[in-house]
N, C-alpha and C. Protein backbone atom coordinates (compact mmCIF):
# COMPACT_ATOMS: atom_id res chain seq x y z
N MET A 1 -53.56 47.77 14.93
CA MET A 1 -53.37 47.14 16.22
C MET A 1 -52.36 47.94 17.02
N THR A 2 -52.77 49.01 17.59
CA THR A 2 -51.86 49.89 18.30
C THR A 2 -51.65 49.49 19.75
N ASP A 3 -52.46 48.57 20.28
CA ASP A 3 -52.33 48.22 21.68
C ASP A 3 -51.40 47.04 21.92
N GLN A 4 -50.75 46.54 20.87
CA GLN A 4 -49.84 45.43 21.03
C GLN A 4 -48.49 45.93 21.52
N PRO A 5 -47.80 45.13 22.34
CA PRO A 5 -46.46 45.53 22.76
C PRO A 5 -45.50 45.49 21.59
N ASN A 6 -44.41 46.18 21.71
CA ASN A 6 -43.41 46.21 20.64
C ASN A 6 -42.66 44.89 20.61
N THR A 7 -42.89 44.10 19.57
CA THR A 7 -42.19 42.83 19.43
C THR A 7 -41.44 42.78 18.11
N SER A 8 -41.07 43.97 17.60
CA SER A 8 -40.35 44.01 16.34
C SER A 8 -38.92 43.56 16.52
N ALA A 9 -38.17 43.57 15.43
CA ALA A 9 -36.79 43.09 15.47
C ALA A 9 -36.00 43.84 16.53
N GLY A 10 -35.00 43.17 17.06
CA GLY A 10 -34.19 43.72 18.14
C GLY A 10 -34.09 42.66 19.20
N SER A 11 -32.92 42.56 19.80
CA SER A 11 -32.69 41.44 20.70
C SER A 11 -33.44 41.56 22.01
N ASP A 12 -33.64 42.79 22.51
CA ASP A 12 -34.24 42.89 23.83
C ASP A 12 -35.51 43.73 23.86
N ASN A 13 -35.82 44.44 22.80
CA ASN A 13 -37.01 45.29 22.75
C ASN A 13 -37.12 46.17 23.98
N GLY A 14 -35.97 46.68 24.46
CA GLY A 14 -35.98 47.56 25.61
C GLY A 14 -36.02 46.84 26.94
N VAL A 15 -36.10 45.54 26.95
CA VAL A 15 -36.20 44.79 28.20
C VAL A 15 -34.93 44.94 29.03
N ASP A 16 -33.77 44.91 28.40
CA ASP A 16 -32.51 44.98 29.13
C ASP A 16 -32.35 46.28 29.90
N ASP A 17 -33.05 47.31 29.50
CA ASP A 17 -32.96 48.60 30.17
C ASP A 17 -33.89 48.71 31.37
N LEU A 18 -34.77 47.74 31.56
CA LEU A 18 -35.74 47.79 32.64
C LEU A 18 -35.13 47.31 33.96
N SER A 19 -35.55 47.94 35.04
CA SER A 19 -35.19 47.43 36.36
C SER A 19 -35.98 46.15 36.59
N PHE A 20 -35.56 45.39 37.57
CA PHE A 20 -36.29 44.17 37.91
C PHE A 20 -37.74 44.50 38.24
N GLU A 21 -37.93 45.53 39.05
CA GLU A 21 -39.28 45.90 39.48
C GLU A 21 -40.17 46.33 38.32
N ALA A 22 -39.61 47.11 37.39
CA ALA A 22 -40.39 47.55 36.23
C ALA A 22 -40.75 46.38 35.33
N ALA A 23 -39.79 45.47 35.14
CA ALA A 23 -40.05 44.29 34.30
C ALA A 23 -41.11 43.40 34.94
N LEU A 24 -41.02 43.21 36.24
CA LEU A 24 -42.00 42.38 36.94
C LEU A 24 -43.39 43.02 36.88
N GLU A 25 -43.46 44.32 37.04
CA GLU A 25 -44.75 45.02 36.97
C GLU A 25 -45.38 44.85 35.59
N GLU A 26 -44.57 45.01 34.54
CA GLU A 26 -45.09 44.84 33.19
C GLU A 26 -45.52 43.40 32.94
N LEU A 27 -44.73 42.45 33.45
CA LEU A 27 -45.08 41.04 33.31
C LEU A 27 -46.41 40.73 33.99
N GLU A 28 -46.61 41.27 35.18
CA GLU A 28 -47.87 41.06 35.90
C GLU A 28 -49.05 41.65 35.13
N ALA A 29 -48.85 42.82 34.51
CA ALA A 29 -49.92 43.43 33.70
C ALA A 29 -50.26 42.55 32.50
N ILE A 30 -49.23 41.96 31.89
CA ILE A 30 -49.46 41.07 30.75
C ILE A 30 -50.25 39.85 31.19
N VAL A 31 -49.89 39.28 32.32
CA VAL A 31 -50.61 38.11 32.83
C VAL A 31 -52.09 38.45 33.05
N ARG A 32 -52.35 39.62 33.64
CA ARG A 32 -53.74 40.03 33.87
C ARG A 32 -54.50 40.14 32.55
N LYS A 33 -53.86 40.74 31.54
CA LYS A 33 -54.51 40.89 30.23
C LYS A 33 -54.80 39.53 29.60
N LEU A 34 -53.84 38.64 29.67
CA LEU A 34 -54.03 37.31 29.07
C LEU A 34 -55.10 36.53 29.83
N GLU A 35 -55.12 36.64 31.15
CA GLU A 35 -56.13 35.93 31.93
C GLU A 35 -57.53 36.46 31.67
N ALA A 36 -57.63 37.75 31.35
CA ALA A 36 -58.93 38.35 31.06
C ALA A 36 -59.50 37.80 29.76
N GLY A 37 -58.63 37.38 28.85
CA GLY A 37 -59.07 36.77 27.60
C GLY A 37 -59.78 37.71 26.65
N GLU A 38 -59.52 38.99 26.76
CA GLU A 38 -60.21 39.96 25.92
C GLU A 38 -59.38 40.43 24.73
N GLU A 39 -58.15 39.94 24.61
CA GLU A 39 -57.28 40.33 23.51
C GLU A 39 -57.52 39.43 22.31
N SER A 40 -57.23 39.96 21.12
CA SER A 40 -57.31 39.13 19.92
C SER A 40 -56.21 38.08 19.97
N LEU A 41 -56.30 37.10 19.11
CA LEU A 41 -55.29 36.05 19.08
C LEU A 41 -53.91 36.63 18.80
N ASP A 42 -53.80 37.50 17.80
CA ASP A 42 -52.51 38.09 17.48
C ASP A 42 -51.96 38.92 18.63
N ALA A 43 -52.81 39.69 19.27
CA ALA A 43 -52.37 40.50 20.40
C ALA A 43 -51.95 39.60 21.56
N SER A 44 -52.68 38.51 21.78
CA SER A 44 -52.32 37.58 22.84
C SER A 44 -50.97 36.93 22.59
N ILE A 45 -50.70 36.59 21.35
CA ILE A 45 -49.40 36.00 21.00
C ILE A 45 -48.29 37.01 21.25
N ALA A 46 -48.50 38.24 20.83
CA ALA A 46 -47.50 39.29 21.04
C ALA A 46 -47.28 39.53 22.53
N LEU A 47 -48.36 39.56 23.29
CA LEU A 47 -48.23 39.73 24.74
C LEU A 47 -47.46 38.57 25.37
N TYR A 48 -47.76 37.37 24.94
CA TYR A 48 -47.07 36.19 25.46
C TYR A 48 -45.57 36.26 25.16
N GLN A 49 -45.23 36.66 23.94
CA GLN A 49 -43.82 36.77 23.57
C GLN A 49 -43.11 37.82 24.41
N ARG A 50 -43.76 38.95 24.62
CA ARG A 50 -43.18 40.00 25.47
C ARG A 50 -43.03 39.47 26.90
N GLY A 51 -44.02 38.75 27.35
CA GLY A 51 -43.96 38.17 28.69
C GLY A 51 -42.79 37.22 28.84
N GLU A 52 -42.51 36.43 27.83
CA GLU A 52 -41.36 35.52 27.86
C GLU A 52 -40.06 36.30 27.99
N GLN A 53 -39.95 37.39 27.24
CA GLN A 53 -38.75 38.23 27.33
C GLN A 53 -38.59 38.80 28.74
N LEU A 54 -39.69 39.29 29.28
CA LEU A 54 -39.66 39.87 30.62
C LEU A 54 -39.32 38.82 31.67
N LYS A 55 -39.87 37.63 31.52
CA LYS A 55 -39.59 36.54 32.47
C LYS A 55 -38.11 36.20 32.46
N LYS A 56 -37.53 36.06 31.27
CA LYS A 56 -36.10 35.76 31.16
C LYS A 56 -35.26 36.86 31.78
N HIS A 57 -35.67 38.10 31.56
CA HIS A 57 -34.94 39.24 32.12
C HIS A 57 -34.98 39.20 33.65
N CYS A 58 -36.16 38.96 34.19
CA CYS A 58 -36.30 38.90 35.66
C CYS A 58 -35.46 37.75 36.23
N GLU A 59 -35.50 36.61 35.59
CA GLU A 59 -34.70 35.47 36.05
C GLU A 59 -33.21 35.79 36.03
N ALA A 60 -32.76 36.47 34.97
CA ALA A 60 -31.34 36.83 34.86
C ALA A 60 -30.95 37.83 35.94
N ARG A 61 -31.83 38.79 36.21
CA ARG A 61 -31.54 39.79 37.25
C ARG A 61 -31.48 39.12 38.62
N LEU A 62 -32.38 38.18 38.89
CA LEU A 62 -32.36 37.47 40.17
C LEU A 62 -31.10 36.63 40.31
N LYS A 63 -30.71 35.97 39.23
CA LYS A 63 -29.50 35.15 39.26
C LYS A 63 -28.28 36.02 39.53
N ALA A 64 -28.20 37.17 38.87
CA ALA A 64 -27.07 38.08 39.08
C ALA A 64 -27.04 38.58 40.52
N ALA A 65 -28.20 38.89 41.07
CA ALA A 65 -28.25 39.36 42.45
C ALA A 65 -27.84 38.25 43.41
N ARG A 66 -28.29 37.04 43.15
CA ARG A 66 -27.96 35.90 43.99
C ARG A 66 -26.45 35.66 44.01
N GLU A 67 -25.83 35.83 42.85
CA GLU A 67 -24.39 35.61 42.75
C GLU A 67 -23.58 36.67 43.49
N LYS A 68 -24.18 37.83 43.74
CA LYS A 68 -23.49 38.89 44.45
C LYS A 68 -23.60 38.77 45.97
N ILE A 69 -24.51 37.95 46.41
CA ILE A 69 -24.72 37.80 47.85
C ILE A 69 -23.49 37.16 48.47
N GLU A 70 -23.09 37.69 49.59
CA GLU A 70 -21.99 37.10 50.32
C GLU A 70 -22.53 36.48 51.61
N GLN A 71 -21.97 35.36 51.95
CA GLN A 71 -22.35 34.70 53.18
C GLN A 71 -21.37 35.12 54.27
N ILE A 72 -21.89 35.39 55.44
CA ILE A 72 -21.02 35.71 56.57
C ILE A 72 -20.50 34.41 57.14
N THR A 73 -19.19 34.32 57.27
CA THR A 73 -18.60 33.11 57.85
C THR A 73 -18.39 33.34 59.34
N LEU A 74 -18.62 32.29 60.12
CA LEU A 74 -18.49 32.37 61.58
C LEU A 74 -17.34 31.50 62.05
N GLY A 75 -16.65 31.99 63.06
CA GLY A 75 -15.58 31.22 63.67
C GLY A 75 -16.15 30.22 64.67
N ALA A 76 -15.28 29.45 65.29
CA ALA A 76 -15.68 28.43 66.27
C ALA A 76 -16.45 29.03 67.44
N ASP A 77 -16.14 30.29 67.74
CA ASP A 77 -16.83 30.95 68.85
C ASP A 77 -18.15 31.58 68.43
N GLY A 78 -18.54 31.42 67.16
CA GLY A 78 -19.80 31.97 66.67
C GLY A 78 -19.73 33.41 66.24
N GLN A 79 -18.55 34.00 66.29
CA GLN A 79 -18.39 35.39 65.89
C GLN A 79 -18.06 35.48 64.40
N PRO A 80 -18.52 36.53 63.73
CA PRO A 80 -18.22 36.69 62.31
C PRO A 80 -16.71 36.80 62.09
N THR A 81 -16.20 36.08 61.09
CA THR A 81 -14.77 36.12 60.78
C THR A 81 -14.50 36.67 59.38
N GLY A 82 -15.53 36.80 58.57
CA GLY A 82 -15.33 37.30 57.21
C GLY A 82 -16.53 36.94 56.37
N THR A 83 -16.31 36.99 55.07
CA THR A 83 -17.39 36.66 54.15
C THR A 83 -16.88 35.69 53.10
N ALA A 84 -17.81 34.94 52.52
CA ALA A 84 -17.52 34.03 51.42
C ALA A 84 -18.57 34.27 50.36
N GLU A 85 -18.20 34.07 49.10
CA GLU A 85 -19.16 34.25 48.03
C GLU A 85 -20.27 33.22 48.13
N TYR A 86 -21.45 33.61 47.69
CA TYR A 86 -22.61 32.75 47.69
C TYR A 86 -22.38 31.54 46.80
N ASP A 87 -22.71 30.36 47.30
CA ASP A 87 -22.61 29.14 46.52
C ASP A 87 -24.00 28.50 46.44
N ALA A 88 -24.63 28.62 45.28
CA ALA A 88 -25.98 28.10 45.12
C ALA A 88 -26.00 26.60 44.92
N GLY A 89 -24.83 26.01 44.69
CA GLY A 89 -24.77 24.62 44.33
C GLY A 89 -24.87 23.67 45.46
């Protein structure tokens, strides 16, 4: 079974080294393969597991980016006065 993704031991299987865009692209390819239904059961399980890792990675990258966003604060006259850290709450 050489077409299965690498799901051997290791905490991230290389996922942590991927950019958001690369992880999302790989995740989309996995979804297409699973939707096609042409993979064996074992390969589908391995693909699903890899997809879960990629999904978590993408979510973490988005959260980190969101936390870095600064909001522009405006004074009473509507002019920018500075910035404040993003508050998602």
